[in-house]
Amino acid sequence: MGYNVFITRKIPEIGLGILRENCEIVEVNYEDRVLIKEELIRKVVGRDGILCLLTDKIDEDVIKAANGAVGFSNYAVGCDNIDVASATKYGMMITNTPGVLTDATTDLTWALLFSVSRQIVEADRFVRNGRFKSWLPVGFLGADITGKTLGIIGAGRIGTAMALRSKSFRMNVLYYDIKENETLEKELNAQYVDLETLLKESDFISIHTPLTEETYHLISAKELAMMKQTVILINTSRGAVIDEAELLKTLREKKIAGAGLDVYENEPQITEGLMELKNVVLLPHIGSATIETRNKMAIMAAENLVTMLRGQIPHNLVNPDVLKHSKR
């Protein structure tokens, strides 16, 4: 029970409660900001475990400073903010929060798709600025969604859920992944295609791939040039999957119809010029931002950490190879 843990930023109280019930010392960064590297290094020293967020860069220096901790519980579905290889080398477990945010992120992705397609943000601004004087026969003409082709890049949990929701709109689904998805093919008669085919034939493209060395800038100038001029591109995965500078250029030149982004390449910085465009909707990384989902994430992250502290194997262990070398 004498565990000493650090939480890099305030999470929902339900998760903090679990940690307080199981740990002697629970220190939380209550400041509404991301700790700089030097602060983070100081705070992880001497801890038994750390609960971190996707905004924390857990590199080898931070991991070395936390030497002696059982590991890092990441309050996120991805782990691209953590040097997992270094953690494994130093015998530290890494966990994430998969599954619980699938529906929330999928719903948000559809909200972005509709917002861009029907110019919802611009229309709202038009009304708020007092410019709505009468019904407009040729104003805010958007894109039809029903019956169109939806391209899914990354057919994991969220990509699959995104595609399944398209059934109501009678959409033709194409998907690209490292492996075939039997659920999509059975339920939607979806087609497993290569990336080039998906880019050329889709009316809407939604990205759901994790960020890895292989997916970094997966969508750059070459790929953007393959897309239809009428395509709408949505990204709720990780920002660096898209070359943001090339996307800006493509949107400026109206070589694609629009984009909806919840994530950014150098988050929270946004490539200069994107905010000036009317054919892009920009959100502040709110894919999982529902009360229910964030609470579930907090519970899972806290339980992951407590399980590690007790010397047990957590359900959401990202680096199982650590068990081969662990001395715990």
C-alpha atoms as a PDB file:
ATOM      1  CA  MET A   1       0.000   0.000   0.000  1.00  0.00           C
ATOM      2  CA  GLY A   2       2.993   2.310   0.427  1.00  0.00           C
ATOM      3  CA  TYR A   3       3.184   3.152  -3.275  1.00  0.00           C
ATOM      4  CA  ASN A   4       4.351   6.565  -4.450  1.00  0.00           C
ATOM      5  CA  VAL A   5       2.936   7.610  -7.818  1.00  0.00           C
ATOM      6  CA  PHE A   6       2.878  10.721  -9.982  1.00  0.00           C
ATOM      7  CA  ILE A   7       0.138  11.809 -12.393  1.00  0.00           C
ATOM      8  CA  THR A   8       1.460  14.237 -14.988  1.00  0.00           C
ATOM      9  CA  ARG A   9      -1.833  16.148 -15.307  1.00  0.00           C
ATOM     10  CA  LYS A  10      -5.262  16.062 -13.662  1.00  0.00           C
ATOM     11  CA  ILE A  11      -7.501  13.262 -14.931  1.00  0.00           C
ATOM     12  CA  PRO A  12     -11.161  12.652 -13.978  1.00  0.00           C
ATOM     13  CA  GLU A  13     -11.647  12.260 -10.240  1.00  0.00           C
ATOM     14  CA  ILE A  14     -12.890   8.684 -10.560  1.00  0.00           C
ATOM     15  CA  GLY A  15      -9.406   7.602 -11.665  1.00  0.00           C
ATOM     16  CA  LEU A  16      -7.642   9.620  -8.995  1.00  0.00           C
ATOM     17  CA  GLY A  17      -9.902   7.992  -6.400  1.00  0.00           C
ATOM     18  CA  ILE A  18      -8.731   4.534  -7.415  1.00  0.00           C
ATOM     19  CA  LEU A  19      -5.121   5.584  -7.041  1.00  0.00           C
ATOM     20  CA  ARG A  20      -5.698   7.219  -3.647  1.00  0.00           C
ATOM     21  CA  GLU A  21      -7.346   4.039  -2.387  1.00  0.00           C
ATOM     22  CA  ASN A  22      -4.340   1.952  -3.390  1.00  0.00           C
ATOM     23  CA  CYS A  23      -1.354   4.247  -2.953  1.00  0.00           C
ATOM     24  CA  GLU A  24       0.167   6.122  -0.041  1.00  0.00           C
ATOM     25  CA  ILE A  25       1.399   9.094  -2.062  1.00  0.00           C
ATOM     26  CA  VAL A  26      -0.487  10.366  -5.114  1.00  0.00           C
ATOM     27  CA  GLU A  27       0.986  13.582  -6.483  1.00  0.00           C
ATOM     28  CA  VAL A  28      -0.889  15.268  -9.319  1.00  0.00           C
ATOM     29  CA  ASN A  29       0.161  18.122 -11.574  1.00  0.00           C
ATOM     30  CA  TYR A  30      -2.914  20.323 -11.150  1.00  0.00           C
ATOM     31  CA  GLU A  31      -1.585  23.065 -13.416  1.00  0.00           C
ATOM     32  CA  ASP A  32      -3.468  23.267 -16.698  1.00  0.00           C
ATOM     33  CA  ARG A  33      -0.362  22.797 -18.814  1.00  0.00           C
ATOM     34  CA  VAL A  34       2.082  20.186 -20.049  1.00  0.00           C
ATOM     35  CA  LEU A  35       5.221  19.912 -17.939  1.00  0.00           C
ATOM     36  CA  ILE A  36       8.452  20.760 -19.724  1.00  0.00           C
ATOM     37  CA  LYS A  37      11.041  17.991 -19.922  1.00  0.00           C
ATOM     38  CA  GLU A  38      13.138  19.198 -16.993  1.00  0.00           C
ATOM     39  CA  GLU A  39      10.076  19.378 -14.738  1.00  0.00           C
ATOM     40  CA  LEU A  40       8.896  15.952 -15.814  1.00  0.00           C
ATOM     41  CA  ILE A  41      12.299  14.422 -15.105  1.00  0.00           C
ATOM     42  CA  ARG A  42      12.315  15.890 -11.596  1.00  0.00           C
ATOM     43  CA  LYS A  43       8.812  14.670 -10.873  1.00  0.00           C
ATOM     44  CA  VAL A  44       9.333  11.022 -11.909  1.00  0.00           C
ATOM     45  CA  VAL A  45      12.425  10.477  -9.759  1.00  0.00           C
ATOM     46  CA  GLY A  46      11.805   8.068  -6.897  1.00  0.00           C
ATOM     47  CA  ARG A  47       8.305   7.061  -7.989  1.00  0.00           C
ATOM     48  CA  ASP A  48       6.918   3.538  -7.965  1.00  0.00           C
ATOM     49  CA  GLY A  49       4.802   4.305 -11.006  1.00  0.00           C
ATOM     50  CA  ILE A  50       3.686   7.140 -13.289  1.00  0.00           C
ATOM     51  CA  LEU A  51       0.395   7.864 -15.036  1.00  0.00           C
ATOM     52  CA  CYS A  52       1.090  10.019 -18.081  1.00  0.00           C
ATOM     53  CA  LEU A  53      -0.855  11.633 -20.926  1.00  0.00           C
ATOM     54  CA  LEU A  54      -0.391  11.632 -24.694  1.00  0.00           C
ATOM     55  CA  THR A  55       0.921  15.199 -24.409  1.00  0.00           C
ATOM     56  CA  ASP A  56       3.887  14.013 -22.328  1.00  0.00           C
ATOM     57  CA  LYS A  57       7.052  13.131 -24.221  1.00  0.00           C
ATOM     58  CA  ILE A  58       8.344  10.075 -22.373  1.00  0.00           C
ATOM     59  CA  ASP A  59      11.763   9.684 -23.967  1.00  0.00           C
ATOM     60  CA  GLU A  60      14.785   7.731 -22.754  1.00  0.00           C
ATOM     61  CA  ASP A  61      15.914  10.565 -20.485  1.00  0.00           C
ATOM     62  CA  VAL A  62      12.585  10.566 -18.652  1.00  0.00           C
ATOM     63  CA  ILE A  63      12.556   6.769 -18.482  1.00  0.00           C
ATOM     64  CA  LYS A  64      16.081   6.696 -17.016  1.00  0.00           C
ATOM     65  CA  ALA A  65      15.062   9.293 -14.436  1.00  0.00           C
ATOM     66  CA  ALA A  66      12.164   7.040 -13.412  1.00  0.00           C
ATOM     67  CA  ASN A  67      14.504   4.084 -12.869  1.00  0.00           C
ATOM     68  CA  GLY A  68      12.965   1.844 -10.229  1.00  0.00           C
ATOM     69  CA  ALA A  69       9.374   2.521 -11.276  1.00  0.00           C
ATOM     70  CA  VAL A  70       7.265  -0.408 -12.487  1.00  0.00           C
ATOM     71  CA  GLY A  71       6.243   1.547 -15.540  1.00  0.00           C
ATOM     72  CA  PHE A  72       4.112   4.215 -17.202  1.00  0.00           C
ATOM     73  CA  SER A  73       0.330   3.983 -17.572  1.00  0.00           C
ATOM     74  CA  ASN A  74      -0.608   6.075 -20.607  1.00  0.00           C
ATOM     75  CA  TYR A  75      -3.973   7.844 -20.515  1.00  0.00           C
ATOM     76  CA  ALA A  76      -4.463   7.371 -24.269  1.00  0.00           C
ATOM     77  CA  VAL A  77      -5.137   4.683 -26.848  1.00  0.00           C
ATOM     78  CA  GLY A  78      -1.810   5.251 -28.589  1.00  0.00           C
ATOM     79  CA  CYS A  79       1.733   5.156 -27.224  1.00  0.00           C
ATOM     80  CA  ASP A  80       3.615   7.175 -29.838  1.00  0.00           C
ATOM     81  CA  ASN A  81       4.508   9.683 -27.107  1.00  0.00           C
ATOM     82  CA  ILE A  82       6.549   7.002 -25.306  1.00  0.00           C
ATOM     83  CA  ASP A  83       9.875   5.450 -26.240  1.00  0.00           C
ATOM     84  CA  VAL A  84       8.541   1.938 -25.704  1.00  0.00           C
ATOM     85  CA  ALA A  85      11.815   0.297 -26.727  1.00  0.00           C
ATOM     86  CA  SER A  86      13.721   2.203 -24.051  1.00  0.00           C
ATOM     87  CA  ALA A  87      11.077   1.391 -21.460  1.00  0.00           C
ATOM     88  CA  THR A  88      11.417  -2.286 -22.306  1.00  0.00           C
ATOM     89  CA  LYS A  89      15.219  -2.045 -22.066  1.00  0.00           C
ATOM     90  CA  TYR A  90      14.927  -0.573 -18.573  1.00  0.00           C
ATOM     91  CA  GLY A  91      12.371  -3.167 -17.497  1.00  0.00           C
ATOM     92  CA  MET A  92       9.376  -0.848 -17.353  1.00  0.00           C
ATOM     93  CA  MET A  93       5.874  -1.794 -18.405  1.00  0.00           C
ATOM     94  CA  ILE A  94       3.847   0.477 -20.675  1.00  0.00           C
ATOM     95  CA  THR A  95       0.042   0.362 -20.822  1.00  0.00           C
ATOM     96  CA  ASN A  96      -2.633   2.229 -22.750  1.00  0.00           C
ATOM     97  CA  THR A  97      -6.436   2.603 -22.752  1.00  0.00           C
ATOM     98  CA  PRO A  98      -7.756   0.813 -25.865  1.00  0.00           C
ATOM     99  CA  GLY A  99     -11.377   0.076 -26.682  1.00  0.00           C
ATOM    100  CA  VAL A 100     -13.098   2.489 -24.311  1.00  0.00           C
ATOM    101  CA  LEU A 101     -12.808   5.481 -26.646  1.00  0.00           C
ATOM    102  CA  THR A 102     -13.799   3.747 -29.886  1.00  0.00           C
ATOM    103  CA  ASP A 103     -17.385   4.983 -30.031  1.00  0.00           C
ATOM    104  CA  ALA A 104     -16.639   8.533 -28.899  1.00  0.00           C
ATOM    105  CA  THR A 105     -13.856   8.966 -31.455  1.00  0.00           C
ATOM    106  CA  THR A 106     -15.955   7.399 -34.200  1.00  0.00           C
ATOM    107  CA  ASP A 107     -18.886   9.700 -33.451  1.00  0.00           C
ATOM    108  CA  LEU A 108     -16.557  12.705 -33.527  1.00  0.00           C
ATOM    109  CA  THR A 109     -15.149  11.563 -36.874  1.00  0.00           C
ATOM    110  CA  TRP A 110     -18.626  11.472 -38.372  1.00  0.00           C
ATOM    111  CA  ALA A 111     -19.335  14.903 -36.880  1.00  0.00           C
ATOM    112  CA  LEU A 112     -16.253  16.239 -38.672  1.00  0.00           C
ATOM    113  CA  LEU A 113     -17.257  14.560 -41.922  1.00  0.00           C
ATOM    114  CA  PHE A 114     -20.702  16.162 -41.811  1.00  0.00           C
ATOM    115  CA  SER A 115     -19.344  19.539 -40.693  1.00  0.00           C
ATOM    116  CA  VAL A 116     -16.952  19.765 -43.624  1.00  0.00           C
ATOM    117  CA  SER A 117     -19.354  18.281 -46.165  1.00  0.00           C
ATOM    118  CA  ARG A 118     -22.210  20.619 -45.311  1.00  0.00           C
ATOM    119  CA  GLN A 119     -20.136  23.684 -44.351  1.00  0.00           C
ATOM    120  CA  ILE A 120     -21.683  23.687 -40.882  1.00  0.00           C
ATOM    121  CA  VAL A 121     -19.057  25.899 -39.241  1.00  0.00           C
ATOM    122  CA  GLU A 122     -19.137  28.527 -41.976  1.00  0.00           C
ATOM    123  CA  ALA A 123     -22.943  28.524 -42.030  1.00  0.00           C
ATOM    124  CA  ASP A 124     -23.067  28.960 -38.258  1.00  0.00           C
ATOM    125  CA  ARG A 125     -20.638  31.871 -38.464  1.00  0.00           C
ATOM    126  CA  PHE A 126     -22.740  33.389 -41.269  1.00  0.00           C
ATOM    127  CA  VAL A 127     -25.837  33.393 -39.044  1.00  0.00           C
ATOM    128  CA  ARG A 128     -24.018  34.675 -35.946  1.00  0.00           C
ATOM    129  CA  ASN A 129     -22.589  37.579 -37.960  1.00  0.00           C
ATOM    130  CA  GLY A 130     -26.114  38.721 -38.856  1.00  0.00           C
ATOM    131  CA  ARG A 131     -25.765  37.945 -42.548  1.00  0.00           C
ATOM    132  CA  PHE A 132     -28.727  35.577 -42.838  1.00  0.00           C
ATOM    133  CA  LYS A 133     -31.409  37.664 -44.579  1.00  0.00           C
ATOM    134  CA  SER A 134     -33.282  35.009 -46.555  1.00  0.00           C
ATOM    135  CA  TRP A 135     -33.111  31.442 -47.812  1.00  0.00           C
ATOM    136  CA  LEU A 136     -30.179  31.075 -50.206  1.00  0.00           C
ATOM    137  CA  PRO A 137     -30.809  29.035 -53.377  1.00  0.00           C
ATOM    138  CA  VAL A 138     -27.113  28.698 -54.177  1.00  0.00           C
ATOM    139  CA  GLY A 139     -25.515  29.376 -50.803  1.00  0.00           C
ATOM    140  CA  PHE A 140     -23.517  26.869 -48.741  1.00  0.00           C
ATOM    141  CA  LEU A 141     -23.872  24.090 -51.287  1.00  0.00           C
ATOM    142  CA  GLY A 142     -22.205  21.060 -49.783  1.00  0.00           C
ATOM    143  CA  ALA A 143     -21.553  17.468 -50.767  1.00  0.00           C
ATOM    144  CA  ASP A 144     -23.995  14.563 -50.668  1.00  0.00           C
ATOM    145  CA  ILE A 145     -22.949  11.720 -48.404  1.00  0.00           C
ATOM    146  CA  THR A 146     -25.540   9.006 -48.995  1.00  0.00           C
ATOM    147  CA  GLY A 147     -24.497   6.520 -51.649  1.00  0.00           C
ATOM    148  CA  LYS A 148     -20.935   7.823 -51.942  1.00  0.00           C
ATOM    149  CA  THR A 149     -17.645   5.941 -51.478  1.00  0.00           C
ATOM    150  CA  LEU A 150     -15.969   5.994 -48.077  1.00  0.00           C
ATOM    151  CA  GLY A 151     -12.280   5.117 -47.848  1.00  0.00           C
ATOM    152  CA  ILE A 152     -10.971   3.882 -44.498  1.00  0.00           C
ATOM    153  CA  ILE A 153      -7.218   4.003 -43.891  1.00  0.00           C
ATOM    154  CA  GLY A 154      -6.558   1.753 -40.898  1.00  0.00           C
ATOM    155  CA  ALA A 155      -9.315  -0.765 -40.201  1.00  0.00           C
ATOM    156  CA  GLY A 156      -8.715  -1.363 -36.502  1.00  0.00           C
ATOM    157  CA  ARG A 157     -11.296  -0.759 -33.771  1.00  0.00           C
ATOM    158  CA  ILE A 158     -12.111   2.838 -34.691  1.00  0.00           C
ATOM    159  CA  GLY A 159     -11.758   2.380 -38.444  1.00  0.00           C
ATOM    160  CA  THR A 160     -14.113  -0.599 -38.298  1.00  0.00           C
ATOM    161  CA  ALA A 161     -16.661   1.295 -36.214  1.00  0.00           C
ATOM    162  CA  MET A 162     -16.442   4.245 -38.609  1.00  0.00           C
ATOM    163  CA  ALA A 163     -17.129   2.016 -41.592  1.00  0.00           C
ATOM    164  CA  LEU A 164     -19.998   0.140 -39.927  1.00  0.00           C
ATOM    165  CA  ARG A 165     -21.818   3.405 -39.225  1.00  0.00           C
ATOM    166  CA  SER A 166     -21.784   4.153 -42.959  1.00  0.00           C
ATOM    167  CA  LYS A 167     -24.332   1.407 -43.542  1.00  0.00           C
ATOM    168  CA  SER A 168     -27.138   3.838 -42.755  1.00  0.00           C
ATOM    169  CA  PHE A 169     -25.950   6.025 -45.618  1.00  0.00           C
ATOM    170  CA  ARG A 170     -25.700   3.142 -48.093  1.00  0.00           C
ATOM    171  CA  MET A 171     -22.052   3.954 -48.758  1.00  0.00           C
ATOM    172  CA  ASN A 172     -19.603   1.867 -50.722  1.00  0.00           C
ATOM    173  CA  VAL A 173     -16.656   1.132 -48.423  1.00  0.00           C
ATOM    174  CA  LEU A 174     -13.027   0.690 -49.422  1.00  0.00           C
ATOM    175  CA  TYR A 175     -10.404   0.004 -46.804  1.00  0.00           C
ATOM    176  CA  TYR A 176      -6.625  -0.180 -46.610  1.00  0.00           C
ATOM    177  CA  ASP A 177      -4.782  -1.936 -43.803  1.00  0.00           C
ATOM    178  CA  ILE A 178      -1.930  -4.365 -43.229  1.00  0.00           C
ATOM    179  CA  LYS A 179      -4.481  -7.183 -43.098  1.00  0.00           C
ATOM    180  CA  GLU A 180      -7.986  -7.954 -44.304  1.00  0.00           C
ATOM    181  CA  ASN A 181     -11.000  -7.213 -42.115  1.00  0.00           C
ATOM    182  CA  GLU A 182     -13.577 -10.003 -42.218  1.00  0.00           C
ATOM    183  CA  THR A 183     -16.153  -7.968 -40.291  1.00  0.00           C
ATOM    184  CA  LEU A 184     -16.195  -5.180 -42.865  1.00  0.00           C
ATOM    185  CA  GLU A 185     -16.318  -7.570 -45.778  1.00  0.00           C
ATOM    186  CA  LYS A 186     -19.139  -9.602 -44.229  1.00  0.00           C
ATOM    187  CA  GLU A 187     -21.247  -6.716 -42.922  1.00  0.00           C
ATOM    188  CA  LEU A 188     -20.686  -4.139 -45.666  1.00  0.00           C
ATOM    189  CA  ASN A 189     -19.257  -6.047 -48.588  1.00  0.00           C
ATOM    190  CA  ALA A 190     -16.314  -3.687 -48.170  1.00  0.00           C
ATOM    191  CA  GLN A 191     -13.385  -3.993 -50.556  1.00  0.00           C
ATOM    192  CA  TYR A 192      -9.823  -4.520 -49.363  1.00  0.00           C
ATOM    193  CA  VAL A 193      -7.715  -2.362 -51.700  1.00  0.00           C
ATOM    194  CA  ASP A 194      -4.253  -0.879 -51.952  1.00  0.00           C
ATOM    195  CA  LEU A 195      -3.703   2.704 -50.855  1.00  0.00           C
ATOM    196  CA  GLU A 196      -3.523   4.092 -54.384  1.00  0.00           C
ATOM    197  CA  THR A 197      -6.894   2.623 -55.326  1.00  0.00           C
ATOM    198  CA  LEU A 198      -8.488   3.966 -52.152  1.00  0.00           C
ATOM    199  CA  LEU A 199      -7.096   7.448 -52.720  1.00  0.00           C
ATOM    200  CA  LYS A 200      -8.248   7.606 -56.331  1.00  0.00           C
ATOM    201  CA  GLU A 201     -11.754   6.199 -55.869  1.00  0.00           C
ATOM    202  CA  SER A 202     -12.966   7.540 -52.516  1.00  0.00           C
ATOM    203  CA  ASP A 203     -15.290  10.517 -52.065  1.00  0.00           C
ATOM    204  CA  PHE A 204     -14.500  10.640 -48.358  1.00  0.00           C
ATOM    205  CA  ILE A 205     -11.285   9.428 -46.740  1.00  0.00           C
ATOM    206  CA  SER A 206     -11.024   8.831 -42.993  1.00  0.00           C
ATOM    207  CA  ILE A 207      -7.684   8.064 -41.344  1.00  0.00           C
ATOM    208  CA  HIS A 208      -7.511   5.707 -38.350  1.00  0.00           C
ATOM    209  CA  THR A 209      -3.993   4.334 -38.411  1.00  0.00           C
ATOM    210  CA  PRO A 210      -1.562   4.558 -35.482  1.00  0.00           C
ATOM    211  CA  LEU A 211       1.550   6.671 -35.893  1.00  0.00           C
ATOM    212  CA  THR A 212       4.575   4.508 -36.643  1.00  0.00           C
ATOM    213  CA  GLU A 213       7.704   4.846 -38.748  1.00  0.00           C
ATOM    214  CA  GLU A 214       5.722   3.318 -41.625  1.00  0.00           C
ATOM    215  CA  THR A 215       2.738   5.667 -41.310  1.00  0.00           C
ATOM    216  CA  TYR A 216       4.637   8.931 -40.734  1.00  0.00           C
ATOM    217  CA  HIS A 217       3.597  11.233 -43.613  1.00  0.00           C
ATOM    218  CA  LEU A 218       1.651   8.376 -45.154  1.00  0.00           C
ATOM    219  CA  ILE A 219      -0.384  11.117 -46.803  1.00  0.00           C
ATOM    220  CA  SER A 220       1.924  13.627 -48.489  1.00  0.00           C
ATOM    221  CA  ALA A 221       2.124  15.445 -51.824  1.00  0.00           C
ATOM    222  CA  LYS A 222       2.065  12.286 -53.955  1.00  0.00           C
ATOM    223  CA  GLU A 223      -0.938  10.816 -52.162  1.00  0.00           C
ATOM    224  CA  LEU A 224      -2.872  14.090 -52.058  1.00  0.00           C
ATOM    225  CA  ALA A 225      -2.395  14.449 -55.814  1.00  0.00           C
ATOM    226  CA  MET A 226      -4.077  11.074 -56.359  1.00  0.00           C
ATOM    227  CA  MET A 227      -7.301  12.160 -54.659  1.00  0.00           C
ATOM    228  CA  LYS A 228     -10.426  13.420 -56.384  1.00  0.00           C
ATOM    229  CA  GLN A 229     -10.817  17.182 -56.452  1.00  0.00           C
ATOM    230  CA  THR A 230     -14.150  16.649 -54.662  1.00  0.00           C
ATOM    231  CA  VAL A 231     -12.759  14.469 -51.866  1.00  0.00           C
ATOM    232  CA  ILE A 232     -13.054  15.330 -48.186  1.00  0.00           C
ATOM    233  CA  LEU A 233     -10.225  14.116 -45.933  1.00  0.00           C
ATOM    234  CA  ILE A 234     -10.762  13.468 -42.219  1.00  0.00           C
ATOM    235  CA  ASN A 235      -8.065  12.731 -39.639  1.00  0.00           C
ATOM    236  CA  THR A 236      -8.773  11.785 -36.018  1.00  0.00           C
ATOM    237  CA  SER A 237      -5.779   9.450 -35.582  1.00  0.00           C
ATOM    238  CA  ARG A 238      -2.412  11.194 -35.238  1.00  0.00           C
ATOM    239  CA  GLY A 239      -1.429  14.427 -36.944  1.00  0.00           C
ATOM    240  CA  ALA A 240       1.916  13.336 -38.365  1.00  0.00           C
ATOM    241  CA  VAL A 241       0.242  10.696 -40.536  1.00  0.00           C
ATOM    242  CA  ILE A 242      -0.423  13.666 -42.842  1.00  0.00           C
ATOM    243  CA  ASP A 243       2.236  16.023 -44.166  1.00  0.00           C
ATOM    244  CA  GLU A 244       0.501  19.158 -42.897  1.00  0.00           C
ATOM    245  CA  ALA A 245       2.442  21.588 -45.090  1.00  0.00           C
ATOM    246  CA  GLU A 246       1.439  19.665 -48.216  1.00  0.00           C
ATOM    247  CA  LEU A 247      -2.162  19.455 -47.018  1.00  0.00           C
ATOM    248  CA  LEU A 248      -2.208  23.232 -46.562  1.00  0.00           C
ATOM    249  CA  LYS A 249      -0.939  23.747 -50.092  1.00  0.00           C
ATOM    250  CA  THR A 250      -3.481  21.305 -51.511  1.00  0.00           C
ATOM    251  CA  LEU A 251      -6.381  22.943 -49.662  1.00  0.00           C
ATOM    252  CA  ARG A 252      -5.259  26.436 -50.654  1.00  0.00           C
ATOM    253  CA  GLU A 253      -5.164  25.448 -54.297  1.00  0.00           C
ATOM    254  CA  LYS A 254      -8.542  23.681 -53.882  1.00  0.00           C
ATOM    255  CA  LYS A 255      -7.171  20.465 -55.320  1.00  0.00           C
ATOM    256  CA  ILE A 256      -9.342  18.656 -52.779  1.00  0.00           C
ATOM    257  CA  ALA A 257     -12.688  19.902 -51.505  1.00  0.00           C
ATOM    258  CA  GLY A 258     -11.936  20.031 -47.808  1.00  0.00           C
ATOM    259  CA  ALA A 259     -10.548  18.497 -44.656  1.00  0.00           C
ATOM    260  CA  GLY A 260     -11.541  17.928 -41.055  1.00  0.00           C
ATOM    261  CA  LEU A 261      -8.758  17.650 -38.473  1.00  0.00           C
ATOM    262  CA  ASP A 262      -8.813  16.794 -34.792  1.00  0.00           C
ATOM    263  CA  VAL A 263      -5.059  16.155 -34.607  1.00  0.00           C
ATOM    264  CA  TYR A 264      -1.987  17.978 -35.882  1.00  0.00           C
ATOM    265  CA  GLU A 265       1.557  17.206 -36.912  1.00  0.00           C
ATOM    266  CA  ASN A 266       3.197  19.435 -34.293  1.00  0.00           C
ATOM    267  CA  GLU A 267       0.374  19.616 -31.801  1.00  0.00           C
ATOM    268  CA  PRO A 268      -0.628  22.011 -30.326  1.00  0.00           C
ATOM    269  CA  GLN A 269       1.028  24.146 -33.002  1.00  0.00           C
ATOM    270  CA  ILE A 270      -0.948  24.271 -36.240  1.00  0.00           C
ATOM    271  CA  THR A 271       0.719  24.940 -39.574  1.00  0.00           C
ATOM    272  CA  GLU A 272       0.431  28.646 -40.296  1.00  0.00           C
ATOM    273  CA  GLY A 273      -2.270  29.298 -42.876  1.00  0.00           C
ATOM    274  CA  LEU A 274      -4.605  26.424 -42.021  1.00  0.00           C
ATOM    275  CA  MET A 275      -6.757  28.575 -39.765  1.00  0.00           C
ATOM    276  CA  GLU A 276      -7.318  31.058 -42.584  1.00  0.00           C
ATOM    277  CA  LEU A 277      -8.971  28.484 -44.845  1.00  0.00           C
ATOM    278  CA  LYS A 278     -12.728  28.048 -45.078  1.00  0.00           C
ATOM    279  CA  ASN A 279     -12.553  24.518 -46.471  1.00  0.00           C
ATOM    280  CA  VAL A 280     -11.113  22.967 -43.313  1.00  0.00           C
ATOM    281  CA  VAL A 281     -12.670  22.355 -39.901  1.00  0.00           C
ATOM    282  CA  LEU A 282     -10.192  22.348 -36.994  1.00  0.00           C
ATOM    283  CA  LEU A 283     -10.839  20.799 -33.582  1.00  0.00           C
ATOM    284  CA  PRO A 284      -8.613  20.740 -30.441  1.00  0.00           C
ATOM    285  CA  HIS A 285      -8.048  16.966 -30.217  1.00  0.00           C
ATOM    286  CA  ILE A 286     -11.438  16.114 -28.693  1.00  0.00           C
ATOM    287  CA  GLY A 287     -11.988  12.670 -30.198  1.00  0.00           C
ATOM    288  CA  SER A 288     -12.461  11.010 -26.814  1.00  0.00           C
ATOM    289  CA  ALA A 289     -13.942  14.055 -25.087  1.00  0.00           C
ATOM    290  CA  THR A 290     -17.178  12.760 -23.628  1.00  0.00           C
ATOM    291  CA  ILE A 291     -17.800  12.510 -19.902  1.00  0.00           C
ATOM    292  CA  GLU A 292     -18.407   8.763 -20.040  1.00  0.00           C
ATOM    293  CA  THR A 293     -15.379   8.013 -22.201  1.00  0.00           C
ATOM    294  CA  ARG A 294     -12.879  10.120 -20.275  1.00  0.00           C
ATOM    295  CA  ASN A 295     -14.108   8.530 -17.033  1.00  0.00           C
ATOM    296  CA  LYS A 296     -13.627   5.054 -18.507  1.00  0.00           C
ATOM    297  CA  MET A 297     -10.139   6.026 -19.654  1.00  0.00           C
ATOM    298  CA  ALA A 298      -9.304   7.296 -16.162  1.00  0.00           C
ATOM    299  CA  ILE A 299     -10.513   4.068 -14.571  1.00  0.00           C
ATOM    300  CA  MET A 300      -8.565   1.915 -17.013  1.00  0.00           C
ATOM    301  CA  ALA A 301      -5.363   3.937 -16.707  1.00  0.00           C
ATOM    302  CA  ALA A 302      -5.561   3.899 -12.904  1.00  0.00           C
ATOM    303  CA  GLU A 303      -6.298   0.174 -12.783  1.00  0.00           C
ATOM    304  CA  ASN A 304      -3.441  -0.508 -15.203  1.00  0.00           C
ATOM    305  CA  LEU A 305      -1.057   1.306 -12.882  1.00  0.00           C
ATOM    306  CA  VAL A 306      -2.349  -0.376  -9.718  1.00  0.00           C
ATOM    307  CA  THR A 307      -2.033  -3.784 -11.359  1.00  0.00           C
ATOM    308  CA  MET A 308       1.585  -3.066 -12.245  1.00  0.00           C
ATOM    309  CA  LEU A 309       2.334  -1.846  -8.750  1.00  0.00           C
ATOM    310  CA  ARG A 310       1.007  -5.104  -7.311  1.00  0.00           C
ATOM    311  CA  GLY A 311       3.463  -7.051  -9.430  1.00  0.00           C
ATOM    312  CA  GLN A 312       0.769  -8.387 -11.734  1.00  0.00           C
ATOM    313  CA  ILE A 313       0.484  -8.236 -15.520  1.00  0.00           C
ATOM    314  CA  PRO A 314      -1.980  -5.553 -16.678  1.00  0.00           C
ATOM    315  CA  HIS A 315      -4.520  -6.401 -19.390  1.00  0.00           C
ATOM    316  CA  ASN A 316      -3.361  -3.537 -21.616  1.00  0.00           C
ATOM    317  CA  LEU A 317       0.374  -4.199 -21.601  1.00  0.00           C
ATOM    318  CA  VAL A 318       1.875  -2.669 -24.737  1.00  0.00           C
ATOM    319  CA  ASN A 319       5.365  -4.173 -24.396  1.00  0.00           C
ATOM    320  CA  PRO A 320       4.979  -7.833 -23.323  1.00  0.00           C
ATOM    321  CA  ASP A 321       8.644  -8.424 -24.154  1.00  0.00           C
ATOM    322  CA  VAL A 322       9.461  -6.604 -20.921  1.00  0.00           C
ATOM    323  CA  LEU A 323       8.287  -9.683 -19.018  1.00  0.00           C
ATOM    324  CA  LYS A 324      11.177 -11.730 -20.441  1.00  0.00           C
ATOM    325  CA  HIS A 325      13.730  -9.449 -18.853  1.00  0.00           C
ATOM    326  CA  SER A 326      11.922  -8.173 -15.792  1.00  0.00           C
ATOM    327  CA  LYS A 327      13.489  -8.874 -12.418  1.00  0.00           C
ATOM    328  CA  ARG A 328      10.325  -7.965 -10.545  1.00  0.00           C
END
